[in-house]
């Protein structure tokens, strides 16, 4: 059994050339001048946490139309305790 979490946004989307590196940390060169963009660490942390929990983080995105991120986490089945 899995828990699925889907997060959609209507942001700028992710360009095809950046999709391959989206979960790898890269310091945003505009940090400090455009705080809205952040430093590029959030998705890296989320991806690593989900992976450590045995799950998977995937996404689809279209530039100009936003992105959809999906987290799938395995749920542990527990037998009834007696």
PDB file of N, CA and C in Angstrom:
ATOM      1  N   UNK A   1       0.846  -1.163   0.000  1.00  0.00           N
ATOM      2  CA  UNK A   1       0.000   0.000   0.000  1.00  0.00           C
ATOM      3  C   UNK A   1       0.905   1.245   0.000  1.00  0.00           C
ATOM      4  N   UNK A   2       0.480   2.267  -0.698  1.00  0.00           N
ATOM      5  CA  UNK A   2       1.246   3.498  -0.814  1.00  0.00           C
ATOM      6  C   UNK A   2       0.394   4.713  -0.480  1.00  0.00           C
ATOM      7  N   UNK A   3       1.058   5.737   0.006  1.00  0.00           N
ATOM      8  CA  UNK A   3       0.448   7.047   0.187  1.00  0.00           C
ATOM      9  C   UNK A   3       0.950   7.913  -0.948  1.00  0.00           C
ATOM     10  N   UNK A   4       0.030   8.520  -1.691  1.00  0.00           N
ATOM     11  CA  UNK A   4       0.412   9.402  -2.789  1.00  0.00           C
ATOM     12  C   UNK A   4       0.043  10.837  -2.429  1.00  0.00           C
ATOM     13  N   UNK A   5       0.979  11.732  -2.634  1.00  0.00           N
ATOM     14  CA  UNK A   5       0.767  13.158  -2.400  1.00  0.00           C
ATOM     15  C   UNK A   5       1.067  13.864  -3.716  1.00  0.00           C
ATOM     16  N   UNK A   6       0.125  14.645  -4.201  1.00  0.00           N
ATOM     17  CA  UNK A   6       0.306  15.357  -5.460  1.00  0.00           C
ATOM     18  C   UNK A   6       0.236  16.856  -5.200  1.00  0.00           C
ATOM     19  N   UNK A   7       1.230  17.556  -5.683  1.00  0.00           N
ATOM     20  CA  UNK A   7       1.315  19.010  -5.510  1.00  0.00           C
ATOM     21  C   UNK A   7       1.418  19.637  -6.889  1.00  0.00           C
ATOM     22  N   UNK A   8       0.477  20.510  -7.201  1.00  0.00           N
ATOM     23  CA  UNK A   8       0.491  21.185  -8.496  1.00  0.00           C
ATOM     24  C   UNK A   8       0.665  22.676  -8.281  1.00  0.00           C
ATOM     25  N   UNK A   9       1.363  23.316  -9.212  1.00  0.00           N
ATOM     26  CA  UNK A   9       1.479  24.763  -9.146  1.00  0.00           C
ATOM     27  C   UNK A   9       1.252  25.353 -10.535  1.00  0.00           C
ATOM     28  N   UNK A  10       1.020  26.625 -10.552  1.00  0.00           N
ATOM     29  CA  UNK A  10       0.795  27.330 -11.816  1.00  0.00           C
ATOM     30  C   UNK A  10       1.936  28.294 -12.079  1.00  0.00           C
ATOM     31  N   UNK A  11       3.122  27.910 -11.622  1.00  0.00           N
ATOM     32  CA  UNK A  11       4.305  28.762 -11.763  1.00  0.00           C
ATOM     33  C   UNK A  11       4.830  28.790 -13.187  1.00  0.00           C
ATOM     34  N   UNK A  12       6.092  29.137 -13.307  1.00  0.00           N
ATOM     35  CA  UNK A  12       6.716  29.304 -14.614  1.00  0.00           C
ATOM     36  C   UNK A  12       7.031  27.981 -15.295  1.00  0.00           C
ATOM     37  N   UNK A  13       6.984  26.881 -14.562  1.00  0.00           N
ATOM     38  CA  UNK A  13       7.321  25.588 -15.133  1.00  0.00           C
ATOM     39  C   UNK A  13       8.828  25.374 -15.167  1.00  0.00           C
ATOM     40  N   UNK A  14       9.221  24.207 -15.631  1.00  0.00           N
ATOM     41  CA  UNK A  14      10.634  23.835 -15.658  1.00  0.00           C
ATOM     42  C   UNK A  14      11.016  23.520 -17.097  1.00  0.00           C
ATOM     43  N   UNK A  15      12.034  24.184 -17.550  1.00  0.00           N
ATOM     44  CA  UNK A  15      12.503  23.980 -18.920  1.00  0.00           C
ATOM     45  C   UNK A  15      13.061  22.572 -19.085  1.00  0.00           C
ATOM     46  N   UNK A  16      12.906  22.012 -20.268  1.00  0.00           N
ATOM     47  CA  UNK A  16      13.374  20.662 -20.571  1.00  0.00           C
ATOM     48  C   UNK A  16      14.847  20.473 -20.206  1.00  0.00           C
ATOM     49  N   UNK A  17      15.669  21.469 -20.472  1.00  0.00           N
ATOM     50  CA  UNK A  17      17.109  21.366 -20.202  1.00  0.00           C
ATOM     51  C   UNK A  17      17.428  21.294 -18.713  1.00  0.00           C
ATOM     52  N   UNK A  18      16.509  21.699 -17.841  1.00  0.00           N
ATOM     53  CA  UNK A  18      16.747  21.684 -16.388  1.00  0.00           C
ATOM     54  C   UNK A  18      16.127  20.470 -15.706  1.00  0.00           C
ATOM     55  N   UNK A  19      15.264  19.745 -16.401  1.00  0.00           N
ATOM     56  CA  UNK A  19      14.552  18.625 -15.778  1.00  0.00           C
ATOM     57  C   UNK A  19      15.489  17.543 -15.260  1.00  0.00           C
ATOM     58  N   UNK A  20      16.560  17.289 -15.973  1.00  0.00           N
ATOM     59  CA  UNK A  20      17.496  16.246 -15.582  1.00  0.00           C
ATOM     60  C   UNK A  20      18.179  16.559 -14.251  1.00  0.00           C
ATOM     61  N   UNK A  21      18.365  17.831 -13.947  1.00  0.00           N
ATOM     62  CA  UNK A  21      19.110  18.246 -12.750  1.00  0.00           C
ATOM     63  C   UNK A  21      18.217  18.797 -11.636  1.00  0.00           C
ATOM     64  N   UNK A  22      16.931  18.703 -11.771  1.00  0.00           N
ATOM     65  CA  UNK A  22      16.021  19.402 -10.864  1.00  0.00           C
ATOM     66  C   UNK A  22      16.172  18.976  -9.395  1.00  0.00           C
ATOM     67  N   UNK A  23      16.554  17.736  -9.128  1.00  0.00           N
ATOM     68  CA  UNK A  23      16.672  17.273  -7.745  1.00  0.00           C
ATOM     69  C   UNK A  23      18.106  17.342  -7.215  1.00  0.00           C
ATOM     70  N   UNK A  24      19.009  17.940  -7.973  1.00  0.00           N
ATOM     71  CA  UNK A  24      20.393  18.091  -7.545  1.00  0.00           C
ATOM     72  C   UNK A  24      20.620  19.526  -7.100  1.00  0.00           C
ATOM     73  N   UNK A  25      21.281  19.692  -5.968  1.00  0.00           N
ATOM     74  CA  UNK A  25      21.525  21.031  -5.435  1.00  0.00           C
ATOM     75  C   UNK A  25      22.384  21.856  -6.377  1.00  0.00           C
ATOM     76  N   UNK A  26      21.931  23.073  -6.599  1.00  0.00           N
ATOM     77  CA  UNK A  26      22.742  24.046  -7.341  1.00  0.00           C
ATOM     78  C   UNK A  26      22.387  25.424  -6.803  1.00  0.00           C
ATOM     79  N   UNK A  27      23.377  26.128  -6.339  1.00  0.00           N
ATOM     80  CA  UNK A  27      23.149  27.447  -5.780  1.00  0.00           C
ATOM     81  C   UNK A  27      22.617  28.375  -6.860  1.00  0.00           C
ATOM     82  N   UNK A  28      21.476  28.980  -6.585  1.00  0.00           N
ATOM     83  CA  UNK A  28      20.865  29.901  -7.539  1.00  0.00           C
ATOM     84  C   UNK A  28      21.699  31.171  -7.594  1.00  0.00           C
ATOM     85  N   UNK A  29      22.252  31.512  -8.751  1.00  0.00           N
ATOM     86  CA  UNK A  29      23.131  32.691  -8.829  1.00  0.00           C
ATOM     87  C   UNK A  29      22.417  34.013  -8.549  1.00  0.00           C
ATOM     88  N   UNK A  30      21.089  34.022  -8.630  1.00  0.00           N
ATOM     89  CA  UNK A  30      20.368  35.271  -8.377  1.00  0.00           C
ATOM     90  C   UNK A  30      19.950  35.396  -6.912  1.00  0.00           C
ATOM     91  N   UNK A  31      20.348  34.431  -6.056  1.00  0.00           N
ATOM     92  CA  UNK A  31      19.976  34.508  -4.649  1.00  0.00           C
ATOM     93  C   UNK A  31      20.499  35.806  -4.044  1.00  0.00           C
ATOM     94  N   UNK A  32      19.641  36.463  -3.340  1.00  0.00           N
ATOM     95  CA  UNK A  32      20.004  37.740  -2.735  1.00  0.00           C
ATOM     96  C   UNK A  32      19.487  38.907  -3.554  1.00  0.00           C
ATOM     97  N   UNK A  33      19.300  38.706  -4.838  1.00  0.00           N
ATOM     98  CA  UNK A  33      18.747  39.776  -5.676  1.00  0.00           C
ATOM     99  C   UNK A  33      17.289  39.498  -6.001  1.00  0.00           C
ATOM    100  N   UNK A  34      16.898  38.239  -5.997  1.00  0.00           N
ATOM    101  CA  UNK A  34      15.518  37.876  -6.286  1.00  0.00           C
ATOM    102  C   UNK A  34      15.116  36.766  -5.325  1.00  0.00           C
ATOM    103  N   UNK A  35      14.718  37.117  -4.136  1.00  0.00           N
ATOM    104  CA  UNK A  35      14.445  36.147  -3.078  1.00  0.00           C
ATOM    105  C   UNK A  35      13.328  35.185  -3.436  1.00  0.00           C
ATOM    106  N   UNK A  36      12.478  35.557  -4.370  1.00  0.00           N
ATOM    107  CA  UNK A  36      11.377  34.695  -4.750  1.00  0.00           C
ATOM    108  C   UNK A  36      11.860  33.377  -5.346  1.00  0.00           C
ATOM    109  N   UNK A  37      13.038  33.345  -5.930  1.00  0.00           N
ATOM    110  CA  UNK A  37      13.549  32.144  -6.576  1.00  0.00           C
ATOM    111  C   UNK A  37      14.209  31.179  -5.602  1.00  0.00           C
ATOM    112  N   UNK A  38      14.615  31.606  -4.451  1.00  0.00           N
ATOM    113  CA  UNK A  38      15.262  30.738  -3.477  1.00  0.00           C
ATOM    114  C   UNK A  38      16.683  30.386  -3.873  1.00  0.00           C
ATOM    115  N   UNK A  39      17.234  29.377  -3.168  1.00  0.00           N
ATOM    116  CA  UNK A  39      18.628  29.009  -3.443  1.00  0.00           C
ATOM    117  C   UNK A  39      18.764  27.674  -4.157  1.00  0.00           C
ATOM    118  N   UNK A  40      17.661  26.978  -4.397  1.00  0.00           N
ATOM    119  CA  UNK A  40      17.734  25.719  -5.133  1.00  0.00           C
ATOM    120  C   UNK A  40      17.962  24.505  -4.261  1.00  0.00           C
ATOM    121  N   UNK A  41      17.588  24.559  -2.995  1.00  0.00           N
ATOM    122  CA  UNK A  41      17.841  23.455  -2.070  1.00  0.00           C
ATOM    123  C   UNK A  41      16.579  22.670  -1.712  1.00  0.00           C
ATOM    124  N   UNK A  42      15.419  23.274  -1.795  1.00  0.00           N
ATOM    125  CA  UNK A  42      14.167  22.651  -1.351  1.00  0.00           C
ATOM    126  C   UNK A  42      13.846  21.326  -2.013  1.00  0.00           C
ATOM    127  N   UNK A  43      13.895  21.260  -3.338  1.00  0.00           N
ATOM    128  CA  UNK A  43      13.587  20.018  -4.034  1.00  0.00           C
ATOM    129  C   UNK A  43      14.621  18.945  -3.771  1.00  0.00           C
ATOM    130  N   UNK A  44      15.865  19.341  -3.578  1.00  0.00           N
ATOM    131  CA  UNK A  44      16.926  18.378  -3.263  1.00  0.00           C
ATOM    132  C   UNK A  44      16.634  17.721  -1.915  1.00  0.00           C
ATOM    133  N   UNK A  45      16.269  18.514  -0.924  1.00  0.00           N
ATOM    134  CA  UNK A  45      15.954  17.989   0.410  1.00  0.00           C
ATOM    135  C   UNK A  45      14.740  17.067   0.337  1.00  0.00           C
ATOM    136  N   UNK A  46      13.679  17.501  -0.332  1.00  0.00           N
ATOM    137  CA  UNK A  46      12.467  16.684  -0.460  1.00  0.00           C
ATOM    138  C   UNK A  46      12.773  15.355  -1.148  1.00  0.00           C
ATOM    139  N   UNK A  47      13.508  15.415  -2.235  1.00  0.00           N
ATOM    140  CA  UNK A  47      13.851  14.204  -2.987  1.00  0.00           C
ATOM    141  C   UNK A  47      14.627  13.228  -2.109  1.00  0.00           C
ATOM    142  N   UNK A  48      15.612  13.720  -1.375  1.00  0.00           N
ATOM    143  CA  UNK A  48      16.429  12.855  -0.524  1.00  0.00           C
ATOM    144  C   UNK A  48      15.618  12.269   0.635  1.00  0.00           C
ATOM    145  N   UNK A  49      14.754  13.067   1.253  1.00  0.00           N
ATOM    146  CA  UNK A  49      13.917  12.565   2.353  1.00  0.00           C
ATOM    147  C   UNK A  49      12.963  11.475   1.880  1.00  0.00           C
ATOM    148  N   UNK A  50      12.331  11.708   0.755  1.00  0.00           N
ATOM    149  CA  UNK A  50      11.403  10.717   0.205  1.00  0.00           C
ATOM    150  C   UNK A  50      12.151   9.431  -0.123  1.00  0.00           C
ATOM    151  N   UNK A  51      13.328   9.541  -0.713  1.00  0.00           N
ATOM    152  CA  UNK A  51      14.140   8.366  -1.056  1.00  0.00           C
ATOM    153  C   UNK A  51      14.536   7.589   0.205  1.00  0.00           C
ATOM    154  N   UNK A  52      14.954   8.296   1.265  1.00  0.00           N
ATOM    155  CA  UNK A  52      15.345   7.646   2.518  1.00  0.00           C
ATOM    156  C   UNK A  52      14.155   6.901   3.131  1.00  0.00           C
ATOM    157  N   UNK A  53      12.944   7.409   2.930  1.00  0.00           N
ATOM    158  CA  UNK A  53      11.737   6.753   3.451  1.00  0.00           C
ATOM    159  C   UNK A  53      11.253   5.628   2.538  1.00  0.00           C
ATOM    160  N   UNK A  54      12.017   5.326   1.485  1.00  0.00           N
ATOM    161  CA  UNK A  54      11.667   4.232   0.597  1.00  0.00           C
ATOM    162  C   UNK A  54      10.688   4.603  -0.502  1.00  0.00           C
ATOM    163  N   UNK A  55      10.474   5.900  -0.696  1.00  0.00           N
ATOM    164  CA  UNK A  55       9.513   6.353  -1.689  1.00  0.00           C
ATOM    165  C   UNK A  55      10.158   6.929  -2.924  1.00  0.00           C
ATOM    166  N   UNK A  56       9.324   7.579  -3.708  1.00  0.00           N
ATOM    167  CA  UNK A  56       9.796   8.151  -4.961  1.00  0.00           C
ATOM    168  C   UNK A  56       9.112   9.506  -5.179  1.00  0.00           C
ATOM    169  N   UNK A  57       9.894  10.472  -5.663  1.00  0.00           N
ATOM    170  CA  UNK A  57       9.391  11.804  -6.003  1.00  0.00           C
ATOM    171  C   UNK A  57       9.593  11.998  -7.497  1.00  0.00           C
ATOM    172  N   UNK A  58       8.505  12.216  -8.214  1.00  0.00           N
ATOM    173  CA  UNK A  58       8.566  12.432  -9.656  1.00  0.00           C
ATOM    174  C   UNK A  58       7.830  13.719  -9.993  1.00  0.00           C
ATOM    175  N   UNK A  59       7.987  14.185 -11.219  1.00  0.00           N
ATOM    176  CA  UNK A  59       7.281  15.400 -11.618  1.00  0.00           C
ATOM    177  C   UNK A  59       7.100  15.457 -13.124  1.00  0.00           C
ATOM    178  N   UNK A  60       6.127  16.262 -13.511  1.00  0.00           N
ATOM    179  CA  UNK A  60       5.936  16.659 -14.897  1.00  0.00           C
ATOM    180  C   UNK A  60       5.856  18.175 -14.889  1.00  0.00           C
ATOM    181  N   UNK A  61       6.265  18.793 -15.974  1.00  0.00           N
ATOM    182  CA  UNK A  61       6.255  20.247 -16.017  1.00  0.00           C
ATOM    183  C   UNK A  61       6.217  20.730 -17.458  1.00  0.00           C
ATOM    184  N   UNK A  62       5.566  21.861 -17.629  1.00  0.00           N
ATOM    185  CA  UNK A  62       5.507  22.500 -18.933  1.00  0.00           C
ATOM    186  C   UNK A  62       5.817  23.980 -18.742  1.00  0.00           C
ATOM    187  N   UNK A  63       6.874  24.460 -19.379  1.00  0.00           N
ATOM    188  CA  UNK A  63       7.213  25.874 -19.228  1.00  0.00           C
ATOM    189  C   UNK A  63       6.016  26.777 -19.559  1.00  0.00           C
ATOM    190  N   UNK A  64       5.791  27.737 -18.676  1.00  0.00           N
ATOM    191  CA  UNK A  64       4.682  28.666 -18.851  1.00  0.00           C
ATOM    192  C   UNK A  64       3.359  28.180 -18.291  1.00  0.00           C
ATOM    193  N   UNK A  65       3.308  26.906 -17.837  1.00  0.00           N
ATOM    194  CA  UNK A  65       2.046  26.355 -17.350  1.00  0.00           C
ATOM    195  C   UNK A  65       2.143  25.720 -15.975  1.00  0.00           C
ATOM    196  N   UNK A  66       3.320  25.625 -15.389  1.00  0.00           N
ATOM    197  CA  UNK A  66       3.454  25.072 -14.053  1.00  0.00           C
ATOM    198  C   UNK A  66       3.992  23.660 -14.024  1.00  0.00           C
ATOM    199  N   UNK A  67       3.926  23.063 -12.830  1.00  0.00           N
ATOM    200  CA  UNK A  67       4.494  21.740 -12.595  1.00  0.00           C
ATOM    201  C   UNK A  67       3.569  20.917 -11.727  1.00  0.00           C
ATOM    202  N   UNK A  68       3.745  19.607 -11.783  1.00  0.00           N
ATOM    203  CA  UNK A  68       3.009  18.678 -10.931  1.00  0.00           C
ATOM    204  C   UNK A  68       4.020  17.708 -10.331  1.00  0.00           C
ATOM    205  N   UNK A  69       4.132  17.718  -9.014  1.00  0.00           N
ATOM    206  CA  UNK A  69       5.049  16.836  -8.297  1.00  0.00           C
ATOM    207  C   UNK A  69       4.241  15.753  -7.605  1.00  0.00           C
ATOM    208  N   UNK A  70       4.741  14.519  -7.665  1.00  0.00           N
ATOM    209  CA  UNK A  70       4.043  13.391  -7.049  1.00  0.00           C
ATOM    210  C   UNK A  70       5.013  12.650  -6.136  1.00  0.00           C
ATOM    211  N   UNK A  71       4.583  12.476  -4.894  1.00  0.00           N
ATOM    212  CA  UNK A  71       5.353  11.727  -3.898  1.00  0.00           C
ATOM    213  C   UNK A  71       4.599  10.435  -3.620  1.00  0.00           C
ATOM    214  N   UNK A  72       5.281   9.304  -3.720  1.00  0.00           N
ATOM    215  CA  UNK A  72       4.706   8.000  -3.364  1.00  0.00           C
ATOM    216  C   UNK A  72       5.540   7.414  -2.245  1.00  0.00           C
ATOM    217  N   UNK A  73       4.893   7.170  -1.113  1.00  0.00           N
ATOM    218  CA  UNK A  73       5.571   6.604   0.050  1.00  0.00           C
ATOM    219  C   UNK A  73       4.943   5.267   0.413  1.00  0.00           C
ATOM    220  N   UNK A  74       5.755   4.249   0.656  1.00  0.00           N
ATOM    221  CA  UNK A  74       5.189   2.963   1.066  1.00  0.00           C
ATOM    222  C   UNK A  74       4.643   3.060   2.486  1.00  0.00           C
ATOM    223  N   UNK A  75       3.506   2.417   2.698  1.00  0.00           N
ATOM    224  CA  UNK A  75       2.918   2.358   4.034  1.00  0.00           C
ATOM    225  C   UNK A  75       3.160   0.965   4.588  1.00  0.00           C
ATOM    226  N   UNK A  76       3.589   0.923   5.824  1.00  0.00           N
ATOM    227  CA  UNK A  76       3.878  -0.353   6.461  1.00  0.00           C
ATOM    228  C   UNK A  76       2.573  -0.978   6.944  1.00  0.00           C
ATOM    229  N   UNK A  77       2.372  -2.221   6.577  1.00  0.00           N
ATOM    230  CA  UNK A  77       1.184  -2.952   7.023  1.00  0.00           C
ATOM    231  C   UNK A  77       1.512  -3.620   8.352  1.00  0.00           C
ATOM    232  N   UNK A  78       0.671  -3.384   9.344  1.00  0.00           N
ATOM    233  CA  UNK A  78       0.911  -3.968  10.663  1.00  0.00           C
ATOM    234  C   UNK A  78      -0.188  -4.972  10.993  1.00  0.00           C
ATOM    235  N   UNK A  79       0.225  -6.137  11.449  1.00  0.00           N
ATOM    236  CA  UNK A  79      -0.733  -7.148  11.871  1.00  0.00           C
ATOM    237  C   UNK A  79      -1.372  -6.702  13.170  1.00  0.00           C
ATOM    238  N   UNK A  80      -2.596  -7.095  13.389  1.00  0.00           N
ATOM    239  CA  UNK A  80      -3.305  -6.738  14.631  1.00  0.00           C
ATOM    240  C   UNK A  80      -2.534  -7.295  15.819  1.00  0.00           C
ATOM    241  N   UNK A  81      -2.297  -6.432  16.797  1.00  0.00           N
ATOM    242  CA  UNK A  81      -1.572  -6.855  17.995  1.00  0.00           C
ATOM    243  C   UNK A  81      -2.527  -7.534  18.950  1.00  0.00           C
ATOM    244  N   UNK A  82      -2.080  -8.635  19.544  1.00  0.00           N
ATOM    245  CA  UNK A  82      -2.945  -9.359  20.485  1.00  0.00           C
ATOM    246  C   UNK A  82      -2.386  -9.329  21.862  1.00  0.00           C
TER     247      UNK A  82
END
